[in-house]
Amino acid sequence: MEMIRLGLDDDKEKKQSMFRRISKSLGVDKKQDEEESNEEVPTIEESEETKIITDNVIDLAEKQKKEKNQEGFKWLKAAANVGDTGAMNELAYCYLTGIGCSVDSIEGELWLRRSAESGDLWAIVDLGVRLLDGVGIEKNTFEGEKWLRVAVERRDGIATRVLGYRLLHGDSLAQNIDEGKQYLMLAAEELHELVAMRLLGIYLIRGEFFTKNIKDGEYWLKRAAENGEKVAMREWGRYLLRGL
């Protein structure tokens, strides 16, 4: 009889255990949950040794990065010092934007001017625009226009379009609509500058700065779009759907 009772007790315990599991899964057995929640959960604290290793890894990575930057600047300056304007431009960009170093506008302007004075067209345009807007270096609209016109004389499409646009709008320059139209048309018609084509097309369609000429405007806007100028693609599509 004792053995039978033991067996019944075992079955009863199993059923109660199963009931508790089912109740817990349904959110019924709150007492059990509370008891379990009060149990201390063992935590793994970061040992002092682990912290030292982590700090050493971070310090090593920072050291390697610093050494790599120093090596990069060493080679750029070596190339710049023997007259490579591309290296001068790269140094100027790094110092003016803080890439690989702290921002240093004086050093950045120094290298940009050296490149421009050496005749690098990219540096001439960049220096001109930065001086007009005061981006990274001190604003000087008189000198900025001078450098921009140097690039225009060398028939740089971007510089010609920028000068034309700024003269039309009086943006950092005294407004001169006739001269602005001249340079914008030069950039579009002879230098095939895509943004100039798009601007010319929009101005002609709207009759802004130019005498309104929808046919010519559509020609220039569509041409810029067909050549992959993203804004022109958008504006041409919008124009076809609902005009400008």
C-alpha atoms as a PDB file:
ATOM      1  CA  MET A   1       0.000   0.000   0.000  1.00  0.00           C
ATOM      2  CA  GLU A   2       2.878   2.322   0.829  1.00  0.00           C
ATOM      3  CA  MET A   3       4.371   1.758  -2.604  1.00  0.00           C
ATOM      4  CA  ILE A   4       1.040   2.517  -4.271  1.00  0.00           C
ATOM      5  CA  ARG A   5       0.707   5.735  -2.223  1.00  0.00           C
ATOM      6  CA  LEU A   6       4.246   6.761  -3.224  1.00  0.00           C
ATOM      7  CA  GLY A   7       3.370   6.234  -6.843  1.00  0.00           C
ATOM      8  CA  LEU A   8       0.226   8.338  -6.475  1.00  0.00           C
ATOM      9  CA  ASP A   9       2.210  11.055  -4.750  1.00  0.00           C
ATOM     10  CA  ASP A  10       4.705  11.057  -7.612  1.00  0.00           C
ATOM     11  CA  ASP A  11       1.924  11.408 -10.161  1.00  0.00           C
ATOM     12  CA  LYS A  12       0.380  14.213  -8.159  1.00  0.00           C
ATOM     13  CA  GLU A  13       3.719  16.064  -7.990  1.00  0.00           C
ATOM     14  CA  LYS A  14       4.210  15.652 -11.716  1.00  0.00           C
ATOM     15  CA  LYS A  15       0.727  17.011 -12.412  1.00  0.00           C
ATOM     16  CA  GLN A  16       1.286  19.991 -10.112  1.00  0.00           C
ATOM     17  CA  SER A  17       4.645  20.675 -11.749  1.00  0.00           C
ATOM     18  CA  MET A  18       3.031  20.543 -15.189  1.00  0.00           C
ATOM     19  CA  PHE A  19       0.188  22.793 -13.970  1.00  0.00           C
ATOM     20  CA  ARG A  20       2.690  25.368 -12.710  1.00  0.00           C
ATOM     21  CA  ARG A  21       4.511  25.398 -16.062  1.00  0.00           C
ATOM     22  CA  ILE A  22       1.267  25.861 -17.973  1.00  0.00           C
ATOM     23  CA  SER A  23       0.080  28.558 -15.557  1.00  0.00           C
ATOM     24  CA  LYS A  24       3.359  30.386 -15.834  1.00  0.00           C
ATOM     25  CA  SER A  25       3.207  30.357 -19.615  1.00  0.00           C
ATOM     26  CA  LEU A  26      -0.282  31.873 -19.404  1.00  0.00           C
ATOM     27  CA  GLY A  27       0.807  34.511 -16.869  1.00  0.00           C
ATOM     28  CA  VAL A  28      -1.321  32.998 -14.072  1.00  0.00           C
ATOM     29  CA  ASP A  29       1.285  31.768 -11.624  1.00  0.00           C
ATOM     30  CA  LYS A  30       2.238  35.230 -10.281  1.00  0.00           C
ATOM     31  CA  LYS A  31       3.541  33.949  -6.969  1.00  0.00           C
ATOM     32  CA  GLN A  32       6.005  31.696  -8.742  1.00  0.00           C
ATOM     33  CA  ASP A  33       7.070  34.559 -11.024  1.00  0.00           C
ATOM     34  CA  GLU A  34       7.627  36.853  -8.050  1.00  0.00           C
ATOM     35  CA  GLU A  35       9.715  34.237  -6.293  1.00  0.00           C
ATOM     36  CA  GLU A  36      11.822  33.720  -9.393  1.00  0.00           C
ATOM     37  CA  SER A  37      12.185  37.438 -10.011  1.00  0.00           C
ATOM     38  CA  ASN A  38      13.519  37.911  -6.482  1.00  0.00           C
ATOM     39  CA  GLU A  39      16.327  35.490  -7.130  1.00  0.00           C
ATOM     40  CA  GLU A  40      19.677  37.172  -7.592  1.00  0.00           C
ATOM     41  CA  VAL A  41      20.976  36.970 -11.139  1.00  0.00           C
ATOM     42  CA  PRO A  42      24.669  36.409 -11.238  1.00  0.00           C
ATOM     43  CA  THR A  43      26.568  39.164 -13.081  1.00  0.00           C
ATOM     44  CA  ILE A  44      29.949  39.044 -14.704  1.00  0.00           C
ATOM     45  CA  GLU A  45      31.964  42.089 -13.728  1.00  0.00           C
ATOM     46  CA  GLU A  46      34.728  43.298 -15.988  1.00  0.00           C
ATOM     47  CA  SER A  47      37.981  42.392 -14.340  1.00  0.00           C
ATOM     48  CA  GLU A  48      40.755  44.925 -14.009  1.00  0.00           C
ATOM     49  CA  GLU A  49      42.888  42.778 -16.282  1.00  0.00           C
ATOM     50  CA  THR A  50      40.216  42.797 -19.029  1.00  0.00           C
ATOM     51  CA  LYS A  51      39.884  46.588 -18.743  1.00  0.00           C
ATOM     52  CA  ILE A  52      43.640  47.043 -19.113  1.00  0.00           C
ATOM     53  CA  ILE A  53      43.690  44.833 -22.222  1.00  0.00           C
ATOM     54  CA  THR A  54      40.767  46.757 -23.782  1.00  0.00           C
ATOM     55  CA  ASP A  55      42.398  50.114 -23.072  1.00  0.00           C
ATOM     56  CA  ASN A  56      45.679  48.893 -24.541  1.00  0.00           C
ATOM     57  CA  VAL A  57      43.933  47.731 -27.739  1.00  0.00           C
ATOM     58  CA  ILE A  58      42.234  51.145 -28.126  1.00  0.00           C
ATOM     59  CA  ASP A  59      45.484  52.996 -27.442  1.00  0.00           C
ATOM     60  CA  LEU A  60      47.306  50.831 -29.973  1.00  0.00           C
ATOM     61  CA  ALA A  61      44.659  51.487 -32.654  1.00  0.00           C
ATOM     62  CA  GLU A  62      44.838  55.237 -32.025  1.00  0.00           C
ATOM     63  CA  LYS A  63      48.623  55.150 -32.153  1.00  0.00           C
ATOM     64  CA  GLN A  64      48.603  53.238 -35.446  1.00  0.00           C
ATOM     65  CA  LYS A  65      46.063  55.673 -36.930  1.00  0.00           C
ATOM     66  CA  LYS A  66      48.168  58.662 -35.863  1.00  0.00           C
ATOM     67  CA  GLU A  67      51.314  57.110 -37.305  1.00  0.00           C
ATOM     68  CA  LYS A  68      49.494  56.368 -40.571  1.00  0.00           C
ATOM     69  CA  ASN A  69      48.275  59.971 -40.832  1.00  0.00           C
ATOM     70  CA  GLN A  70      51.750  61.310 -40.125  1.00  0.00           C
ATOM     71  CA  GLU A  71      53.188  59.054 -42.819  1.00  0.00           C
ATOM     72  CA  GLY A  72      50.528  60.209 -45.284  1.00  0.00           C
ATOM     73  CA  PHE A  73      51.210  63.885 -44.637  1.00  0.00           C
ATOM     74  CA  LYS A  74      54.953  63.272 -44.933  1.00  0.00           C
ATOM     75  CA  TRP A  75      54.545  61.913 -48.475  1.00  0.00           C
ATOM     76  CA  LEU A  76      52.021  64.554 -49.521  1.00  0.00           C
ATOM     77  CA  LYS A  77      54.318  67.328 -48.375  1.00  0.00           C
ATOM     78  CA  ALA A  78      57.262  65.687 -50.106  1.00  0.00           C
ATOM     79  CA  ALA A  79      55.318  65.678 -53.387  1.00  0.00           C
ATOM     80  CA  ALA A  80      54.030  69.221 -52.830  1.00  0.00           C
ATOM     81  CA  ASN A  81      57.515  70.539 -52.098  1.00  0.00           C
ATOM     82  CA  VAL A  82      58.759  69.307 -55.483  1.00  0.00           C
ATOM     83  CA  GLY A  83      55.894  71.094 -57.259  1.00  0.00           C
ATOM     84  CA  ASP A  84      53.047  68.561 -57.502  1.00  0.00           C
ATOM     85  CA  THR A  85      49.878  70.673 -57.419  1.00  0.00           C
ATOM     86  CA  GLY A  86      47.674  67.637 -56.859  1.00  0.00           C
ATOM     87  CA  ALA A  87      49.469  67.022 -53.552  1.00  0.00           C
ATOM     88  CA  MET A  88      49.079  70.717 -52.684  1.00  0.00           C
ATOM     89  CA  ASN A  89      45.335  70.451 -53.354  1.00  0.00           C
ATOM     90  CA  GLU A  90      45.087  67.348 -51.184  1.00  0.00           C
ATOM     91  CA  LEU A  91      46.921  69.034 -48.328  1.00  0.00           C
ATOM     92  CA  ALA A  92      44.695  72.093 -48.640  1.00  0.00           C
ATOM     93  CA  TYR A  93      41.580  69.911 -48.540  1.00  0.00           C
ATOM     94  CA  CYS A  94      42.789  68.001 -45.459  1.00  0.00           C
ATOM     95  CA  TYR A  95      43.640  71.131 -43.495  1.00  0.00           C
ATOM     96  CA  LEU A  96      40.484  73.016 -44.481  1.00  0.00           C
ATOM     97  CA  THR A  97      38.142  70.125 -43.662  1.00  0.00           C
ATOM     98  CA  GLY A  98      40.009  68.426 -40.807  1.00  0.00           C
ATOM     99  CA  ILE A  99      40.539  65.133 -42.637  1.00  0.00           C
ATOM    100  CA  GLY A 100      43.410  63.297 -40.922  1.00  0.00           C
ATOM    101  CA  CYS A 101      44.289  66.356 -38.832  1.00  0.00           C
ATOM    102  CA  SER A 102      42.840  69.266 -36.914  1.00  0.00           C
ATOM    103  CA  VAL A 103      41.288  72.043 -38.999  1.00  0.00           C
ATOM    104  CA  ASP A 104      43.960  74.625 -39.844  1.00  0.00           C
ATOM    105  CA  SER A 105      42.583  77.323 -42.152  1.00  0.00           C
ATOM    106  CA  ILE A 106      45.927  79.147 -42.371  1.00  0.00           C
ATOM    107  CA  GLU A 107      47.823  76.053 -43.504  1.00  0.00           C
ATOM    108  CA  GLY A 108      44.978  75.042 -45.817  1.00  0.00           C
ATOM    109  CA  GLU A 109      44.843  78.426 -47.528  1.00  0.00           C
ATOM    110  CA  LEU A 110      48.633  78.458 -47.844  1.00  0.00           C
ATOM    111  CA  TRP A 111      48.673  75.199 -49.844  1.00  0.00           C
ATOM    112  CA  LEU A 112      45.620  76.167 -51.912  1.00  0.00           C
ATOM    113  CA  ARG A 113      47.250  79.467 -52.866  1.00  0.00           C
ATOM    114  CA  ARG A 114      50.520  77.766 -53.735  1.00  0.00           C
ATOM    115  CA  SER A 115      48.662  75.438 -56.073  1.00  0.00           C
ATOM    116  CA  ALA A 116      46.649  78.270 -57.648  1.00  0.00           C
ATOM    117  CA  GLU A 117      49.748  80.400 -58.099  1.00  0.00           C
ATOM    118  CA  SER A 118      51.390  77.401 -59.782  1.00  0.00           C
ATOM    119  CA  GLY A 119      48.588  77.459 -62.358  1.00  0.00           C
ATOM    120  CA  ASP A 120      46.451  74.512 -61.201  1.00  0.00           C
ATOM    121  CA  LEU A 121      42.995  75.200 -62.640  1.00  0.00           C
ATOM    122  CA  TRP A 122      41.118  73.247 -59.977  1.00  0.00           C
ATOM    123  CA  ALA A 123      42.852  75.245 -57.220  1.00  0.00           C
ATOM    124  CA  ILE A 124      42.167  78.534 -59.020  1.00  0.00           C
ATOM    125  CA  VAL A 125      38.424  77.851 -59.169  1.00  0.00           C
ATOM    126  CA  ASP A 126      38.275  76.483 -55.619  1.00  0.00           C
ATOM    127  CA  LEU A 127      40.213  79.426 -54.216  1.00  0.00           C
ATOM    128  CA  GLY A 128      38.017  81.895 -56.097  1.00  0.00           C
ATOM    129  CA  VAL A 129      34.773  80.400 -54.807  1.00  0.00           C
ATOM    130  CA  ARG A 130      36.074  80.044 -51.239  1.00  0.00           C
ATOM    131  CA  LEU A 131      37.133  83.686 -51.216  1.00  0.00           C
ATOM    132  CA  LEU A 132      33.743  84.790 -52.575  1.00  0.00           C
ATOM    133  CA  ASP A 133      31.812  82.851 -49.930  1.00  0.00           C
ATOM    134  CA  GLY A 134      34.286  82.806 -47.048  1.00  0.00           C
ATOM    135  CA  VAL A 135      34.267  79.014 -46.846  1.00  0.00           C
ATOM    136  CA  GLY A 136      37.218  77.784 -44.781  1.00  0.00           C
ATOM    137  CA  ILE A 137      39.147  81.002 -45.376  1.00  0.00           C
ATOM    138  CA  GLU A 138      38.519  84.704 -44.833  1.00  0.00           C
ATOM    139  CA  LYS A 139      36.024  86.213 -47.266  1.00  0.00           C
ATOM    140  CA  ASN A 140      37.446  88.550 -49.909  1.00  0.00           C
ATOM    141  CA  THR A 141      35.038  89.116 -52.806  1.00  0.00           C
ATOM    142  CA  PHE A 142      37.436  91.341 -54.766  1.00  0.00           C
ATOM    143  CA  GLU A 143      40.191  88.725 -54.805  1.00  0.00           C
ATOM    144  CA  GLY A 144      37.675  85.905 -55.276  1.00  0.00           C
ATOM    145  CA  GLU A 145      36.342  87.506 -58.463  1.00  0.00           C
ATOM    146  CA  LYS A 146      39.900  88.021 -59.674  1.00  0.00           C
ATOM    147  CA  TRP A 147      40.733  84.325 -59.354  1.00  0.00           C
ATOM    148  CA  LEU A 148      37.422  83.286 -60.880  1.00  0.00           C
ATOM    149  CA  ARG A 149      38.091  85.483 -63.921  1.00  0.00           C
ATOM    150  CA  VAL A 150      41.550  83.925 -64.280  1.00  0.00           C
ATOM    151  CA  ALA A 151      39.851  80.529 -64.643  1.00  0.00           C
ATOM    152  CA  VAL A 152      37.304  81.985 -67.088  1.00  0.00           C
ATOM    153  CA  GLU A 153      40.133  83.313 -69.256  1.00  0.00           C
ATOM    154  CA  ARG A 154      41.428  79.758 -69.380  1.00  0.00           C
ATOM    155  CA  ARG A 155      37.955  78.688 -70.553  1.00  0.00           C
ATOM    156  CA  ASP A 156      37.032  76.601 -67.550  1.00  0.00           C
ATOM    157  CA  GLY A 157      33.353  75.681 -67.917  1.00  0.00           C
ATOM    158  CA  ILE A 158      32.488  75.608 -64.222  1.00  0.00           C
ATOM    159  CA  ALA A 159      34.178  78.941 -63.481  1.00  0.00           C
ATOM    160  CA  THR A 160      32.444  80.532 -66.467  1.00  0.00           C
ATOM    161  CA  ARG A 161      29.037  79.289 -65.354  1.00  0.00           C
ATOM    162  CA  VAL A 162      29.643  80.321 -61.720  1.00  0.00           C
ATOM    163  CA  LEU A 163      30.705  83.817 -62.770  1.00  0.00           C
ATOM    164  CA  GLY A 164      27.699  84.164 -65.073  1.00  0.00           C
ATOM    165  CA  TYR A 165      25.257  82.988 -62.404  1.00  0.00           C
ATOM    166  CA  ARG A 166      26.677  85.248 -59.709  1.00  0.00           C
ATOM    167  CA  LEU A 167      26.634  88.287 -61.981  1.00  0.00           C
ATOM    168  CA  LEU A 168      23.011  87.600 -62.930  1.00  0.00           C
ATOM    169  CA  HIS A 169      21.888  87.231 -59.323  1.00  0.00           C
ATOM    170  CA  GLY A 170      24.291  89.672 -57.686  1.00  0.00           C
ATOM    171  CA  ASP A 171      25.543  86.806 -55.508  1.00  0.00           C
ATOM    172  CA  SER A 172      28.711  88.075 -53.724  1.00  0.00           C
ATOM    173  CA  LEU A 173      29.329  90.233 -56.824  1.00  0.00           C
ATOM    174  CA  ALA A 174      27.787  93.460 -58.075  1.00  0.00           C
ATOM    175  CA  GLN A 175      24.859  92.496 -60.294  1.00  0.00           C
ATOM    176  CA  ASN A 176      25.560  92.846 -64.012  1.00  0.00           C
ATOM    177  CA  ILE A 177      22.835  91.096 -66.013  1.00  0.00           C
ATOM    178  CA  ASP A 178      24.296  91.716 -69.470  1.00  0.00           C
ATOM    179  CA  GLU A 179      27.702  90.331 -68.533  1.00  0.00           C
ATOM    180  CA  GLY A 180      26.115  87.478 -66.613  1.00  0.00           C
ATOM    181  CA  LYS A 181      24.069  86.441 -69.667  1.00  0.00           C
ATOM    182  CA  GLN A 182      27.206  86.552 -71.779  1.00  0.00           C
ATOM    183  CA  TYR A 183      29.150  84.205 -69.514  1.00  0.00           C
ATOM    184  CA  LEU A 184      26.258  81.814 -68.942  1.00  0.00           C
ATOM    185  CA  MET A 185      25.686  81.461 -72.685  1.00  0.00           C
ATOM    186  CA  LEU A 186      29.413  80.975 -73.245  1.00  0.00           C
ATOM    187  CA  ALA A 187      29.493  78.178 -70.662  1.00  0.00           C
ATOM    188  CA  ALA A 188      26.480  76.436 -72.244  1.00  0.00           C
ATOM    189  CA  GLU A 189      27.101  76.964 -75.968  1.00  0.00           C
ATOM    190  CA  GLU A 190      30.883  76.733 -76.308  1.00  0.00           C
ATOM    191  CA  LEU A 191      32.129  75.025 -73.151  1.00  0.00           C
ATOM    192  CA  HIS A 192      29.219  72.530 -72.956  1.00  0.00           C
ATOM    193  CA  GLU A 193      28.846  72.916 -69.183  1.00  0.00           C
ATOM    194  CA  LEU A 194      25.730  70.944 -68.242  1.00  0.00           C
ATOM    195  CA  VAL A 195      24.554  73.036 -65.306  1.00  0.00           C
ATOM    196  CA  ALA A 196      24.856  76.142 -67.493  1.00  0.00           C
ATOM    197  CA  MET A 197      22.667  74.420 -70.099  1.00  0.00           C
ATOM    198  CA  ARG A 198      20.038  73.642 -67.479  1.00  0.00           C
ATOM    199  CA  LEU A 199      20.042  77.188 -66.073  1.00  0.00           C
ATOM    200  CA  LEU A 200      19.879  78.729 -69.539  1.00  0.00           C
ATOM    201  CA  GLY A 201      16.958  76.482 -70.450  1.00  0.00           C
ATOM    202  CA  ILE A 202      14.978  77.380 -67.327  1.00  0.00           C
ATOM    203  CA  TYR A 203      15.653  81.115 -67.680  1.00  0.00           C
ATOM    204  CA  LEU A 204      14.536  81.073 -71.320  1.00  0.00           C
ATOM    205  CA  ILE A 205      11.345  79.116 -70.572  1.00  0.00           C
ATOM    206  CA  ARG A 206      10.453  81.450 -67.709  1.00  0.00           C
ATOM    207  CA  GLY A 207      11.643  84.626 -69.378  1.00  0.00           C
ATOM    208  CA  GLU A 208      13.939  85.288 -66.419  1.00  0.00           C
ATOM    209  CA  PHE A 209      16.950  87.531 -67.235  1.00  0.00           C
ATOM    210  CA  PHE A 210      16.488  86.554 -70.910  1.00  0.00           C
ATOM    211  CA  THR A 211      13.723  87.303 -73.377  1.00  0.00           C
ATOM    212  CA  LYS A 212      11.212  84.474 -73.084  1.00  0.00           C
ATOM    213  CA  ASN A 213      11.831  81.796 -75.709  1.00  0.00           C
ATOM    214  CA  ILE A 214      10.138  78.488 -74.899  1.00  0.00           C
ATOM    215  CA  LYS A 215      11.504  76.621 -77.909  1.00  0.00           C
ATOM    216  CA  ASP A 216      15.144  77.472 -77.146  1.00  0.00           C
ATOM    217  CA  GLY A 217      14.571  76.921 -73.438  1.00  0.00           C
ATOM    218  CA  GLU A 218      13.200  73.440 -74.032  1.00  0.00           C
ATOM    219  CA  TYR A 219      16.190  72.674 -76.239  1.00  0.00           C
ATOM    220  CA  TRP A 220      18.749  73.554 -73.557  1.00  0.00           C
ATOM    221  CA  LEU A 221      16.905  71.950 -70.650  1.00  0.00           C
ATOM    222  CA  LYS A 222      16.340  68.731 -72.587  1.00  0.00           C
ATOM    223  CA  ARG A 223      19.941  68.670 -73.763  1.00  0.00           C
ATOM    224  CA  ALA A 224      21.224  68.947 -70.197  1.00  0.00           C
ATOM    225  CA  ALA A 225      18.849  66.166 -69.129  1.00  0.00           C
ATOM    226  CA  GLU A 226      19.861  63.877 -71.999  1.00  0.00           C
ATOM    227  CA  ASN A 227      23.496  64.319 -70.993  1.00  0.00           C
ATOM    228  CA  GLY A 228      22.799  63.108 -67.476  1.00  0.00           C
ATOM    229  CA  GLU A 229      22.615  66.305 -65.407  1.00  0.00           C
ATOM    230  CA  LYS A 230      20.463  65.053 -62.523  1.00  0.00           C
ATOM    231  CA  VAL A 231      18.643  68.262 -61.670  1.00  0.00           C
ATOM    232  CA  ALA A 232      17.961  68.874 -65.361  1.00  0.00           C
ATOM    233  CA  MET A 233      16.479  65.375 -65.648  1.00  0.00           C
ATOM    234  CA  ARG A 234      14.121  66.143 -62.780  1.00  0.00           C
ATOM    235  CA  GLU A 235      13.195  69.606 -64.067  1.00  0.00           C
ATOM    236  CA  TRP A 236      12.633  68.379 -67.623  1.00  0.00           C
ATOM    237  CA  GLY A 237      10.359  65.609 -66.374  1.00  0.00           C
ATOM    238  CA  ARG A 238       8.420  68.015 -64.190  1.00  0.00           C
ATOM    239  CA  TYR A 239       8.175  70.523 -67.011  1.00  0.00           C
ATOM    240  CA  LEU A 240       6.682  67.907 -69.342  1.00  0.00           C
ATOM    241  CA  LEU A 241       4.114  66.942 -66.691  1.00  0.00           C
ATOM    242  CA  ARG A 242       3.030  70.321 -65.373  1.00  0.00           C
ATOM    243  CA  GLY A 243       5.409  73.025 -66.532  1.00  0.00           C
ATOM    244  CA  LEU A 244       7.842  75.096 -64.526  1.00  0.00           C
END
